[in-house]
PDB file of all heavy atoms in Angstrom:
ATOM      1  N   GLN A   1      27.369-111.120 -36.514  1.00  0.00           N
ATOM      2  CA  GLN A   1      26.462-111.706 -35.459  1.00  0.00           C
ATOM      3  C   GLN A   1      25.487-110.781 -34.934  1.00  0.00           C
ATOM      4  O   GLN A   1      25.911-109.578 -34.749  1.00  0.00           O
ATOM      5  CB  GLN A   1      27.366-112.268 -34.356  1.00  0.00           C
ATOM      6  CG  GLN A   1      28.173-113.508 -34.739  1.00  0.00           C
ATOM      7  CD  GLN A   1      28.858-114.105 -33.546  1.00  0.00           C
ATOM      8  OE1 GLN A   1      29.330-113.529 -32.642  1.00  0.00           O
ATOM      9  NE2 GLN A   1      28.866-115.444 -33.437  1.00  0.00           N
ATOM     10  N   LEU A   2      24.277-111.175 -34.801  1.00  0.00           N
ATOM     11  CA  LEU A   2      23.243-110.430 -34.267  1.00  0.00           C
ATOM     12  C   LEU A   2      22.637-111.052 -33.045  1.00  0.00           C
ATOM     13  O   LEU A   2      22.373-112.277 -33.002  1.00  0.00           O
ATOM     14  CB  LEU A   2      22.065-110.300 -35.261  1.00  0.00           C
ATOM     15  CG  LEU A   2      22.506-109.764 -36.568  1.00  0.00           C
ATOM     16  CD1 LEU A   2      21.260-109.833 -37.572  1.00  0.00           C
ATOM     17  CD2 LEU A   2      22.943-108.304 -36.515  1.00  0.00           C
ATOM     18  N   VAL A   3      22.648-110.288 -32.008  1.00  0.00           N
ATOM     19  CA  VAL A   3      22.108-110.684 -30.640  1.00  0.00           C
ATOM     20  C   VAL A   3      20.857-109.810 -30.153  1.00  0.00           C
ATOM     21  O   VAL A   3      21.005-108.512 -30.082  1.00  0.00           O
ATOM     22  CB  VAL A   3      23.193-110.677 -29.640  1.00  0.00           C
ATOM     23  CG1 VAL A   3      22.623-111.144 -28.259  1.00  0.00           C
ATOM     24  CG2 VAL A   3      24.408-111.385 -30.000  1.00  0.00           C
ATOM     25  N   GLU A   4      19.749-110.496 -30.035  1.00  0.00           N
ATOM     26  CA  GLU A   4      18.569-109.915 -29.732  1.00  0.00           C
ATOM     27  C   GLU A   4      18.224-109.911 -28.312  1.00  0.00           C
ATOM     28  O   GLU A   4      18.580-110.816 -27.544  1.00  0.00           O
ATOM     29  CB  GLU A   4      17.416-110.353 -30.555  1.00  0.00           C
ATOM     30  CG  GLU A   4      17.745-110.442 -31.980  1.00  0.00           C
ATOM     31  CD  GLU A   4      16.772-111.318 -32.783  1.00  0.00           C
ATOM     32  OE1 GLU A   4      15.761-111.836 -32.176  1.00  0.00           O
ATOM     33  OE2 GLU A   4      17.144-111.770 -33.902  1.00  0.00           O
ATOM     34  N   SER A   5      17.429-108.957 -27.867  1.00  0.00           N
ATOM     35  CA  SER A   5      16.863-108.954 -26.492  1.00  0.00           C
ATOM     36  C   SER A   5      15.602-108.146 -26.349  1.00  0.00           C
ATOM     37  O   SER A   5      15.236-107.275 -27.308  1.00  0.00           O
ATOM     38  CB  SER A   5      17.874-108.521 -25.432  1.00  0.00           C
ATOM     39  OG  SER A   5      18.246-107.065 -25.709  1.00  0.00           O
ATOM     40  N   GLY A   6      14.822-108.299 -25.301  1.00  0.00           N
ATOM     41  CA  GLY A   6      13.703-107.436 -25.087  1.00  0.00           C
ATOM     42  C   GLY A   6      12.235-108.035 -25.242  1.00  0.00           C
ATOM     43  O   GLY A   6      11.378-107.408 -25.006  1.00  0.00           O
ATOM     44  N   GLY A   7      12.271-109.337 -25.606  1.00  0.00           N
ATOM     45  CA  GLY A   7      10.972-109.992 -25.814  1.00  0.00           C
ATOM     46  C   GLY A   7      10.343-110.315 -24.532  1.00  0.00           C
ATOM     47  O   GLY A   7      11.070-110.265 -23.407  1.00  0.00           O
ATOM     48  N   GLY A   8       9.089-110.647 -24.525  1.00  0.00           N
ATOM     49  CA  GLY A   8       8.474-111.063 -23.272  1.00  0.00           C
ATOM     50  C   GLY A   8       6.940-111.115 -23.428  1.00  0.00           C
ATOM     51  O   GLY A   8       6.474-111.067 -24.557  1.00  0.00           O
ATOM     52  N   LEU A   9       6.231-111.181 -22.324  1.00  0.00           N
ATOM     53  CA  LEU A   9       4.818-111.285 -22.281  1.00  0.00           C
ATOM     54  C   LEU A   9       4.351-109.901 -21.917  1.00  0.00           C
ATOM     55  O   LEU A   9       4.790-109.205 -20.999  1.00  0.00           O
ATOM     56  CB  LEU A   9       4.350-112.275 -21.267  1.00  0.00           C
ATOM     57  CG  LEU A   9       2.934-112.357 -20.951  1.00  0.00           C
ATOM     58  CD1 LEU A   9       2.164-112.798 -22.292  1.00  0.00           C
ATOM     59  CD2 LEU A   9       2.684-113.273 -19.822  1.00  0.00           C
ATOM     60  N   VAL A  10       3.286-109.367 -22.745  1.00  0.00           N
ATOM     61  CA  VAL A  10       2.700-108.119 -22.511  1.00  0.00           C
ATOM     62  C   VAL A  10       1.295-108.093 -22.783  1.00  0.00           C
ATOM     63  O   VAL A  10       0.855-108.771 -23.519  1.00  0.00           O
ATOM     64  CB  VAL A  10       3.374-106.994 -23.330  1.00  0.00           C
ATOM     65  CG1 VAL A  10       3.222-107.371 -24.745  1.00  0.00           C
ATOM     66  CG2 VAL A  10       2.955-105.633 -22.875  1.00  0.00           C
ATOM     67  N   GLN A  11       0.559-107.260 -22.033  1.00  0.00           N
ATOM     68  CA  GLN A  11      -1.024-107.294 -22.241  1.00  0.00           C
ATOM     69  C   GLN A  11      -1.257-106.450 -23.447  1.00  0.00           C
ATOM     70  O   GLN A  11      -0.429-105.573 -24.008  1.00  0.00           O
ATOM     71  CB  GLN A  11      -1.634-106.621 -20.963  1.00  0.00           C
ATOM     72  CG  GLN A  11      -1.634-107.544 -19.820  1.00  0.00           C
ATOM     73  CD  GLN A  11      -2.439-106.969 -18.746  1.00  0.00           C
ATOM     74  OE1 GLN A  11      -2.368-105.745 -18.413  1.00  0.00           O
ATOM     75  NE2 GLN A  11      -3.290-107.773 -18.072  1.00  0.00           N
ATOM     76  N   PRO A  12      -2.379-106.731 -24.098  1.00  0.00           N
ATOM     77  CA  PRO A  12      -2.766-105.861 -25.233  1.00  0.00           C
ATOM     78  C   PRO A  12      -2.738-104.352 -24.901  1.00  0.00           C
ATOM     79  O   PRO A  12      -3.239-103.911 -23.819  1.00  0.00           O
ATOM     80  CB  PRO A  12      -4.210-106.379 -25.563  1.00  0.00           C
ATOM     81  CG  PRO A  12      -4.249-107.702 -25.040  1.00  0.00           C
ATOM     82  CD  PRO A  12      -3.369-107.874 -23.870  1.00  0.00           C
ATOM     83  N   GLY A  13      -2.312-103.608 -25.749  1.00  0.00           N
ATOM     84  CA  GLY A  13      -2.167-102.115 -25.523  1.00  0.00           C
ATOM     85  C   GLY A  13      -0.884-101.731 -24.902  1.00  0.00           C
ATOM     86  O   GLY A  13      -0.473-100.552 -24.898  1.00  0.00           O
ATOM     87  N   GLY A  14      -0.072-102.717 -24.456  1.00  0.00           N
ATOM     88  CA  GLY A  14       1.246-102.392 -23.810  1.00  0.00           C
ATOM     89  C   GLY A  14       2.207-102.220 -24.885  1.00  0.00           C
ATOM     90  O   GLY A  14       2.122-102.219 -26.098  1.00  0.00           O
ATOM     91  N   SER A  15       3.498-102.036 -24.384  1.00  0.00           N
ATOM     92  CA  SER A  15       4.640-101.713 -25.209  1.00  0.00           C
ATOM     93  C   SER A  15       5.854-102.643 -24.853  1.00  0.00           C
ATOM     94  O   SER A  15       5.913-103.022 -23.698  1.00  0.00           O
ATOM     95  CB  SER A  15       5.071-100.264 -25.048  1.00  0.00           C
ATOM     96  OG  SER A  15       3.951 -99.382 -25.412  1.00  0.00           O
ATOM     97  N   LEU A  16       6.722-102.820 -25.813  1.00  0.00           N
ATOM     98  CA  LEU A  16       7.911-103.463 -25.637  1.00  0.00           C
ATOM     99  C   LEU A  16       8.987-102.848 -26.538  1.00  0.00           C
ATOM    100  O   LEU A  16       8.555-102.342 -27.704  1.00  0.00           O
ATOM    101  CB  LEU A  16       7.842-105.017 -26.007  1.00  0.00           C
ATOM    102  CG  LEU A  16       7.198-105.888 -25.000  1.00  0.00           C
ATOM    103  CD1 LEU A  16       7.181-107.365 -25.471  1.00  0.00           C
ATOM    104  CD2 LEU A  16       8.006-105.945 -23.664  1.00  0.00           C
ATOM    105  N   ARG A  17      10.232-102.886 -26.184  1.00  0.00           N
ATOM    106  CA  ARG A  17      11.234-102.434 -27.056  1.00  0.00           C
ATOM    107  C   ARG A  17      12.221-103.559 -27.305  1.00  0.00           C
ATOM    108  O   ARG A  17      12.877-104.062 -26.243  1.00  0.00           O
ATOM    109  CB  ARG A  17      12.082-101.264 -26.300  1.00  0.00           C
ATOM    110  CG  ARG A  17      12.973-100.547 -27.344  1.00  0.00           C
ATOM    111  CD  ARG A  17      13.890 -99.581 -26.553  1.00  0.00           C
ATOM    112  NE  ARG A  17      14.546 -98.638 -27.490  1.00  0.00           N
ATOM    113  CZ  ARG A  17      15.744 -97.946 -27.187  1.00  0.00           C
ATOM    114  NH1 ARG A  17      16.259 -98.094 -25.994  1.00  0.00           N
ATOM    115  NH2 ARG A  17      16.264 -97.208 -27.958  1.00  0.00           N
ATOM    116  N   LEU A  18      12.463-103.963 -28.432  1.00  0.00           N
ATOM    117  CA  LEU A  18      13.417-104.974 -28.874  1.00  0.00           C
ATOM    118  C   LEU A  18      14.707-104.281 -29.208  1.00  0.00           C
ATOM    119  O   LEU A  18      14.833-103.226 -29.829  1.00  0.00           O
ATOM    120  CB  LEU A  18      12.896-105.843 -29.953  1.00  0.00           C
ATOM    121  CG  LEU A  18      11.530-106.450 -29.793  1.00  0.00           C
ATOM    122  CD1 LEU A  18      11.130-107.292 -31.085  1.00  0.00           C
ATOM    123  CD2 LEU A  18      11.608-107.363 -28.487  1.00  0.00           C
ATOM    124  N   SER A  19      15.854-105.029 -28.872  1.00  0.00           N
ATOM    125  CA  SER A  19      17.112-104.509 -29.186  1.00  0.00           C
ATOM    126  C   SER A  19      17.935-105.625 -29.943  1.00  0.00           C
ATOM    127  O   SER A  19      17.774-106.692 -29.642  1.00  0.00           O
ATOM    128  CB  SER A  19      17.930-104.108 -27.990  1.00  0.00           C
ATOM    129  OG  SER A  19      17.221-103.070 -27.217  1.00  0.00           O
ATOM    130  N   CYS A  20      18.771-105.174 -30.801  1.00  0.00           N
ATOM    131  CA  CYS A  20      19.605-106.056 -31.488  1.00  0.00           C
ATOM    132  C   CYS A  20      21.017-105.370 -31.619  1.00  0.00           C
ATOM    133  O   CYS A  20      21.152-104.330 -32.186  1.00  0.00           O
ATOM    134  CB  CYS A  20      19.062-106.268 -32.887  1.00  0.00           C
ATOM    135  SG  CYS A  20      20.085-107.310 -33.983  1.00  0.00           S
ATOM    136  N   ALA A  21      21.990-106.192 -31.201  1.00  0.00           N
ATOM    137  CA  ALA A  21      23.320-105.618 -31.318  1.00  0.00           C
ATOM    138  C   ALA A  21      24.170-106.444 -32.336  1.00  0.00           C
ATOM    139  O   ALA A  21      24.162-107.654 -32.407  1.00  0.00           O
ATOM    140  CB  ALA A  21      24.005-105.942 -29.922  1.00  0.00           C
ATOM    141  N   ALA A  22      24.680-105.736 -33.336  1.00  0.00           N
ATOM    142  CA  ALA A  22      25.520-106.380 -34.362  1.00  0.00           C
ATOM    143  C   ALA A  22      26.956-106.230 -34.042  1.00  0.00           C
ATOM    144  O   ALA A  22      27.553-105.204 -33.462  1.00  0.00           O
ATOM    145  CB  ALA A  22      25.197-105.577 -35.715  1.00  0.00           C
ATOM    146  N   SER A  23      27.763-107.347 -34.299  1.00  0.00           N
ATOM    147  CA  SER A  23      29.171-107.401 -34.102  1.00  0.00           C
ATOM    148  C   SER A  23      29.719-108.082 -35.294  1.00  0.00           C
ATOM    149  O   SER A  23      29.183-108.913 -36.022  1.00  0.00           O
ATOM    150  CB  SER A  23      29.466-108.072 -32.776  1.00  0.00           C
ATOM    151  OG  SER A  23      28.961-109.443 -32.755  1.00  0.00           O
ATOM    152  N   GLY A  24      31.030-107.978 -35.262  1.00  0.00           N
ATOM    153  CA  GLY A  24      31.814-108.692 -36.375  1.00  0.00           C
ATOM    154  C   GLY A  24      32.110-107.697 -37.486  1.00  0.00           C
ATOM    155  O   GLY A  24      32.434-106.462 -37.228  1.00  0.00           O
TER     156      GLY A  24
END
């Protein structure tokens, strides 16, 4: 199972960090 987080709204030039946790 993969569970993601970290998405959202950001302005051009900005940054985001997505995370994914694996289990099972």
